[in-house]
Amino acid sequence: MTFWIGVGDKWSLLVIVTLQGGRLRFSELQRHIPGISQRMLTLTVRQLERDGLLVRTVHAEVPPRVEYDLTETGRTLIEPSRALAEWAIAHYASIERARERYDAKA
C-alpha cells in the first residue's frame, strides 16, 4: 500500500496557504502565486482535490465560473504549512551558503 499526499511540494503548500483566506477563482489563485504556470496550477489543484484537501465548485454560468476552497481537512494544513514557511525564511541564509559550498565543489 502506497500512502502519499500531494503536499510535499512548494506549489501545494502555496495553494493551501493562499486559500486560507477563502474561496478563489482559478485566475485569482494564479495571480496570488508568483511563478506558477497555468499547467502546474491545474495539476496541483487536481491533486489536492483528489486528496480531499480542496473542493472545486463549478457554477452554471456563461462562461462557467470555477472556484476553489479548502476542505475541513485542507484547513488543518494551514498551521503546519505556515510553520514550514517560517522555518524556510529563518534558515534561508544558511541554506543558500550550503548550496554555494556544494556548487563550488562541482
C-alpha atoms as a PDB file:
ATOM      1  CA  MET A   1       0.000   0.000   0.000  1.00  0.00           C
ATOM      2  CA  THR A   2       1.410   3.360  -1.000  1.00  0.00           C
ATOM      3  CA  PHE A   3       0.455   6.371   1.056  1.00  0.00           C
ATOM      4  CA  TRP A   4       1.442   9.777  -0.192  1.00  0.00           C
ATOM      5  CA  ILE A   5      -0.422  13.038  -0.252  1.00  0.00           C
ATOM      6  CA  GLY A   6       0.483  15.836  -2.590  1.00  0.00           C
ATOM      7  CA  VAL A   7       1.531  18.453  -0.056  1.00  0.00           C
ATOM      8  CA  GLY A   8       5.272  17.888  -0.145  1.00  0.00           C
ATOM      9  CA  ASP A   9       5.960  20.312  -2.969  1.00  0.00           C
ATOM     10  CA  LYS A  10       6.138  24.073  -2.848  1.00  0.00           C
ATOM     11  CA  TRP A  11       3.160  24.657  -5.141  1.00  0.00           C
ATOM     12  CA  SER A  12       0.786  22.620  -2.988  1.00  0.00           C
ATOM     13  CA  LEU A  13       1.887  24.455   0.137  1.00  0.00           C
ATOM     14  CA  LEU A  14       1.459  27.806  -1.597  1.00  0.00           C
ATOM     15  CA  VAL A  15      -2.029  26.895  -2.825  1.00  0.00           C
ATOM     16  CA  ILE A  16      -3.038  25.817   0.680  1.00  0.00           C
ATOM     17  CA  VAL A  17      -1.695  28.975   2.302  1.00  0.00           C
ATOM     18  CA  THR A  18      -3.245  31.156  -0.428  1.00  0.00           C
ATOM     19  CA  LEU A  19      -6.673  29.589   0.083  1.00  0.00           C
ATOM     20  CA  GLN A  20      -6.594  30.181   3.831  1.00  0.00           C
ATOM     21  CA  GLY A  21      -8.405  33.472   3.200  1.00  0.00           C
ATOM     22  CA  GLY A  22     -11.290  31.702   1.483  1.00  0.00           C
ATOM     23  CA  ARG A  23     -12.614  30.696  -1.906  1.00  0.00           C
ATOM     24  CA  LEU A  24     -10.823  31.912  -5.044  1.00  0.00           C
ATOM     25  CA  ARG A  25     -11.316  31.562  -8.778  1.00  0.00           C
ATOM     26  CA  PHE A  26      -8.544  29.868 -10.769  1.00  0.00           C
ATOM     27  CA  SER A  27      -7.229  33.145 -12.211  1.00  0.00           C
ATOM     28  CA  GLU A  28      -7.227  34.793  -8.774  1.00  0.00           C
ATOM     29  CA  LEU A  29      -5.352  31.851  -7.320  1.00  0.00           C
ATOM     30  CA  GLN A  30      -2.782  32.048 -10.114  1.00  0.00           C
ATOM     31  CA  ARG A  31      -2.288  35.805  -9.561  1.00  0.00           C
ATOM     32  CA  HIS A  32      -1.585  35.224  -5.863  1.00  0.00           C
ATOM     33  CA  ILE A  33       1.138  32.636  -6.559  1.00  0.00           C
ATOM     34  CA  PRO A  34       4.007  34.242  -8.487  1.00  0.00           C
ATOM     35  CA  GLY A  35       5.826  31.962 -10.901  1.00  0.00           C
ATOM     36  CA  ILE A  36       3.258  29.180 -11.111  1.00  0.00           C
ATOM     37  CA  SER A  37       2.259  28.254 -14.645  1.00  0.00           C
ATOM     38  CA  GLN A  38      -1.326  27.529 -15.629  1.00  0.00           C
ATOM     39  CA  ARG A  39      -0.415  23.879 -16.217  1.00  0.00           C
ATOM     40  CA  MET A  40       1.311  23.498 -12.845  1.00  0.00           C
ATOM     41  CA  LEU A  41      -1.604  25.136 -11.033  1.00  0.00           C
ATOM     42  CA  THR A  42      -4.029  22.825 -12.847  1.00  0.00           C
ATOM     43  CA  LEU A  43      -2.014  19.741 -11.855  1.00  0.00           C
ATOM     44  CA  THR A  44      -1.664  20.973  -8.275  1.00  0.00           C
ATOM     45  CA  VAL A  45      -5.351  21.730  -7.684  1.00  0.00           C
ATOM     46  CA  ARG A  46      -6.335  18.410  -9.266  1.00  0.00           C
ATOM     47  CA  GLN A  47      -4.042  16.509  -6.907  1.00  0.00           C
ATOM     48  CA  LEU A  48      -5.222  18.479  -3.873  1.00  0.00           C
ATOM     49  CA  GLU A  49      -8.840  17.828  -4.881  1.00  0.00           C
ATOM     50  CA  ARG A  50      -8.094  14.120  -5.334  1.00  0.00           C
ATOM     51  CA  ASP A  51      -6.548  14.048  -1.852  1.00  0.00           C
ATOM     52  CA  GLY A  52      -9.665  15.696  -0.400  1.00  0.00           C
ATOM     53  CA  LEU A  53      -7.826  18.860   0.612  1.00  0.00           C
ATOM     54  CA  LEU A  54      -9.713  21.287  -1.595  1.00  0.00           C
ATOM     55  CA  VAL A  55     -13.039  21.403  -3.314  1.00  0.00           C
ATOM     56  CA  ARG A  56     -13.682  22.625  -6.852  1.00  0.00           C
ATOM     57  CA  THR A  57     -17.065  24.245  -7.433  1.00  0.00           C
ATOM     58  CA  VAL A  58     -18.332  24.864 -10.960  1.00  0.00           C
ATOM     59  CA  HIS A  59     -21.125  27.442 -11.244  1.00  0.00           C
ATOM     60  CA  ALA A  60     -23.535  27.026 -14.156  1.00  0.00           C
ATOM     61  CA  GLU A  61     -22.898  30.384 -15.798  1.00  0.00           C
ATOM     62  CA  VAL A  62     -21.711  31.510 -19.207  1.00  0.00           C
ATOM     63  CA  PRO A  63     -18.785  31.396 -19.151  1.00  0.00           C
ATOM     64  CA  PRO A  64     -18.588  28.816 -16.343  1.00  0.00           C
ATOM     65  CA  ARG A  65     -17.194  30.158 -13.068  1.00  0.00           C
ATOM     66  CA  VAL A  66     -14.926  27.744 -11.194  1.00  0.00           C
ATOM     67  CA  GLU A  67     -13.891  28.349  -7.595  1.00  0.00           C
ATOM     68  CA  TYR A  68     -11.553  26.528  -5.241  1.00  0.00           C
ATOM     69  CA  ASP A  69     -11.705  26.337  -1.471  1.00  0.00           C
ATOM     70  CA  LEU A  70     -10.067  24.268   1.224  1.00  0.00           C
ATOM     71  CA  THR A  71     -11.961  21.401   2.773  1.00  0.00           C
ATOM     72  CA  GLU A  72     -12.081  20.946   6.521  1.00  0.00           C
ATOM     73  CA  THR A  73      -9.136  18.551   6.208  1.00  0.00           C
ATOM     74  CA  GLY A  74      -7.270  21.020   3.990  1.00  0.00           C
ATOM     75  CA  ARG A  75      -7.680  23.729   6.619  1.00  0.00           C
ATOM     76  CA  THR A  76      -5.793  21.557   9.116  1.00  0.00           C
ATOM     77  CA  LEU A  77      -2.699  22.072   6.942  1.00  0.00           C
ATOM     78  CA  ILE A  78      -2.650  25.864   7.255  1.00  0.00           C
ATOM     79  CA  GLU A  79      -0.677  25.958  10.514  1.00  0.00           C
ATOM     80  CA  PRO A  80       1.888  23.277   9.535  1.00  0.00           C
ATOM     81  CA  SER A  81       2.327  24.993   6.152  1.00  0.00           C
ATOM     82  CA  ARG A  82       2.850  28.343   7.839  1.00  0.00           C
ATOM     83  CA  ALA A  83       5.374  26.788  10.252  1.00  0.00           C
ATOM     84  CA  LEU A  84       7.312  25.268   7.346  1.00  0.00           C
ATOM     85  CA  ALA A  85       7.347  28.609   5.522  1.00  0.00           C
ATOM     86  CA  GLU A  86       8.612  30.375   8.660  1.00  0.00           C
ATOM     87  CA  TRP A  87      11.335  27.742   9.064  1.00  0.00           C
ATOM     88  CA  ALA A  88      12.406  28.243   5.432  1.00  0.00           C
ATOM     89  CA  ILE A  89      12.602  32.011   5.895  1.00  0.00           C
ATOM     90  CA  ALA A  90      14.566  31.686   9.129  1.00  0.00           C
ATOM     91  CA  HIS A  91      17.095  29.286   7.561  1.00  0.00           C
ATOM     92  CA  TYR A  92      17.257  30.801   4.095  1.00  0.00           C
ATOM     93  CA  ALA A  93      20.759  32.280   4.527  1.00  0.00           C
ATOM     94  CA  SER A  94      22.307  29.059   5.806  1.00  0.00           C
ATOM     95  CA  ILE A  95      20.644  27.050   3.043  1.00  0.00           C
ATOM     96  CA  GLU A  96      21.981  29.449   0.423  1.00  0.00           C
ATOM     97  CA  ARG A  97      25.509  29.176   1.896  1.00  0.00           C
ATOM     98  CA  ALA A  98      25.265  25.372   1.855  1.00  0.00           C
ATOM     99  CA  ARG A  99      24.166  25.438  -1.784  1.00  0.00           C
ATOM    100  CA  GLU A 100      27.049  27.722  -2.725  1.00  0.00           C
ATOM    101  CA  ARG A 101      29.550  25.398  -0.998  1.00  0.00           C
ATOM    102  CA  TYR A 102      28.042  22.382  -2.695  1.00  0.00           C
ATOM    103  CA  ASP A 103      28.005  24.021  -6.140  1.00  0.00           C
ATOM    104  CA  ALA A 104      31.616  25.183  -5.718  1.00  0.00           C
ATOM    105  CA  LYS A 105      32.702  21.547  -5.348  1.00  0.00           C
ATOM    106  CA  ALA A 106      31.072  20.536  -8.643  1.00  0.00           C
END
